[in-house]
Amino acid sequence: MKVNNKVETFFLKKNIWHGLTITHSAAHQIKQLVKNSPAMLGLRLSIKESGCAGFSYVIKEAKWVENSDLIYEHDGARLYVPLKAMPLIDGTELDYVQQGLNHIFQFNNPKAKHSCGCGESFGF
């Protein structure tokens, strides 16, 4: 990163993260998933380059803890996030909402400046 013609170094492990927030509704859904699959510890949230806006969220079952995981917990529900994803999702709120007949995890990411028309990807 360049600031005032100086190059600044960025260290993932030395940065202070604001963290992620899990709503009550999302926590309830995560606990239901864990209850139905006892090998699960919680959910793993990461991102990948994808879609027309640049990045998309990836949610998978977390069955073990990675060395680089940051763990966020609300009411017993755990969300495992790889450290390398934090610069793009720090401050995000994970919610679980009903949209019509569907129930989905929704990401309220204050860093995302735009998303594609279908809402599957986001960018900065």
Protein backbone atom coordinates (compact mmCIF):
# COMPACT_ATOMS: atom_id res chain seq x y z
CA MET A 1 0.00 0.00 0.00
CA LYS A 2 1.34 3.45 -0.88
CA VAL A 3 0.70 6.40 1.41
CA ASN A 4 2.22 9.83 0.76
CA ASN A 5 4.83 8.31 -1.57
CA LYS A 6 5.90 5.88 1.16
CA VAL A 7 5.40 2.15 0.96
CA GLU A 8 3.64 0.70 3.99
CA THR A 9 3.99 -2.94 5.03
CA PHE A 10 0.91 -4.90 5.99
CA PHE A 11 1.15 -7.91 8.34
CA LEU A 12 -1.93 -10.11 8.67
CA LYS A 13 -1.04 -11.39 12.14
CA LYS A 14 -0.18 -7.95 13.54
CA ASN A 15 -3.35 -6.22 12.37
CA ILE A 16 -6.16 -5.56 14.85
CA TRP A 17 -9.40 -6.98 13.49
CA HIS A 18 -12.87 -5.70 14.37
CA GLY A 19 -14.14 -9.23 13.90
CA LEU A 20 -17.34 -10.73 12.60
CA THR A 21 -20.78 -10.65 14.17
CA ILE A 22 -23.18 -13.59 14.18
CA THR A 23 -26.85 -12.66 14.62
CA HIS A 24 -29.15 -14.67 16.86
CA SER A 25 -30.90 -16.07 13.79
CA ALA A 26 -27.59 -17.17 12.18
CA ALA A 27 -26.40 -18.67 15.47
CA HIS A 28 -29.61 -20.67 15.77
CA GLN A 29 -29.19 -22.03 12.21
CA ILE A 30 -25.52 -22.93 12.75
CA LYS A 31 -26.45 -24.81 15.94
CA GLN A 32 -29.18 -26.69 14.04
CA LEU A 33 -26.67 -27.71 11.36
CA VAL A 34 -24.20 -28.91 14.01
CA LYS A 35 -26.97 -30.81 15.80
CA ASN A 36 -27.82 -32.62 12.54
CA SER A 37 -24.15 -33.38 11.79
CA PRO A 38 -22.28 -34.10 15.04
CA ALA A 39 -18.86 -34.18 13.28
CA MET A 40 -19.24 -30.45 12.61
CA LEU A 41 -17.71 -27.87 14.92
CA GLY A 42 -19.51 -25.01 13.18
CA LEU A 43 -19.24 -23.24 9.83
CA ARG A 44 -16.16 -22.07 7.95
CA LEU A 45 -16.51 -18.74 6.15
CA SER A 46 -14.02 -17.78 3.48
CA ILE A 47 -14.00 -15.95 0.18
CA LYS A 48 -12.83 -16.72 -3.34
CA GLU A 49 -12.37 -14.74 -6.52
CA SER A 50 -15.57 -15.23 -8.44
CA GLY A 51 -18.47 -13.62 -10.24
CA CYS A 52 -18.75 -10.37 -12.11
CA ALA A 53 -18.08 -8.21 -9.04
CA GLY A 54 -14.86 -9.94 -8.00
CA PHE A 55 -15.36 -12.07 -4.87
CA SER A 56 -17.92 -14.44 -3.40
CA TYR A 57 -18.48 -15.90 0.05
CA VAL A 58 -17.87 -19.60 0.66
CA ILE A 59 -19.54 -21.41 3.55
CA LYS A 60 -18.53 -24.97 4.37
CA GLU A 61 -18.79 -27.33 7.30
CA ALA A 62 -15.95 -26.88 9.78
CA LYS A 63 -14.88 -30.30 11.00
CA TRP A 64 -11.47 -29.24 12.35
CA VAL A 65 -9.60 -26.10 13.32
CA GLU A 66 -6.93 -24.77 10.95
CA ASN A 67 -3.83 -23.08 12.42
CA SER A 68 -4.75 -19.77 10.76
CA ASP A 69 -8.43 -19.79 11.82
CA LEU A 70 -9.96 -16.99 13.80
CA ILE A 71 -12.97 -18.29 15.71
CA TYR A 72 -16.07 -16.18 16.31
CA GLU A 73 -18.82 -17.42 18.58
CA HIS A 74 -22.32 -16.32 19.51
CA ASP A 75 -24.60 -18.27 21.83
CA GLY A 76 -22.57 -21.47 21.29
CA ALA A 77 -22.49 -21.24 17.48
CA ARG A 78 -19.00 -21.05 16.00
CA LEU A 79 -17.77 -19.45 12.80
CA TYR A 80 -14.24 -20.31 11.65
CA VAL A 81 -12.56 -17.73 9.41
CA PRO A 82 -9.13 -18.10 7.78
CA LEU A 83 -6.84 -15.20 8.64
CA LYS A 84 -6.17 -14.46 4.95
CA ALA A 85 -9.88 -13.65 4.40
CA MET A 86 -10.02 -11.00 7.13
CA PRO A 87 -8.87 -7.97 5.10
CA LEU A 88 -11.94 -8.39 2.89
CA ILE A 89 -14.58 -9.42 5.42
CA ASP A 90 -13.55 -7.75 8.68
CA GLY A 91 -16.60 -6.14 10.27
CA THR A 92 -19.10 -8.39 8.44
CA GLU A 93 -22.34 -9.45 10.09
CA LEU A 94 -23.59 -12.96 9.29
CA ASP A 95 -27.36 -13.20 9.38
CA TYR A 96 -29.86 -15.91 8.44
CA VAL A 97 -32.95 -14.51 6.73
CA GLN A 98 -36.06 -15.59 4.90
CA GLN A 99 -36.45 -14.34 1.33
CA GLY A 100 -39.75 -15.52 -0.05
CA LEU A 101 -39.79 -19.29 0.38
CA ASN A 102 -36.01 -19.50 0.80
CA HIS A 103 -33.87 -19.20 3.91
CA ILE A 104 -30.29 -18.04 3.31
CA PHE A 105 -27.22 -16.79 5.09
CA GLN A 106 -26.84 -13.09 4.34
CA PHE A 107 -23.62 -11.12 4.64
CA ASN A 108 -23.68 -7.48 5.70
CA ASN A 109 -20.14 -6.47 4.79
CA PRO A 110 -19.31 -2.78 5.37
CA LYS A 111 -16.22 -3.10 3.15
CA ALA A 112 -18.16 -4.25 0.07
CA LYS A 113 -18.81 -1.25 -2.14
CA HIS A 114 -20.82 -3.01 -4.86
CA SER A 115 -22.32 -6.36 -5.74
CA CYS A 116 -23.40 -8.00 -8.96
CA GLY A 117 -27.02 -7.93 -10.08
CA CYS A 118 -27.78 -11.41 -8.81
CA GLY A 119 -26.12 -10.73 -5.45
CA GLU A 120 -23.73 -13.69 -5.70
CA SER A 121 -20.51 -11.64 -5.70
CA PHE A 122 -19.16 -8.41 -4.24
CA GLY A 123 -16.31 -6.00 -4.85
CA PHE A 124 -14.47 -3.02 -3.40
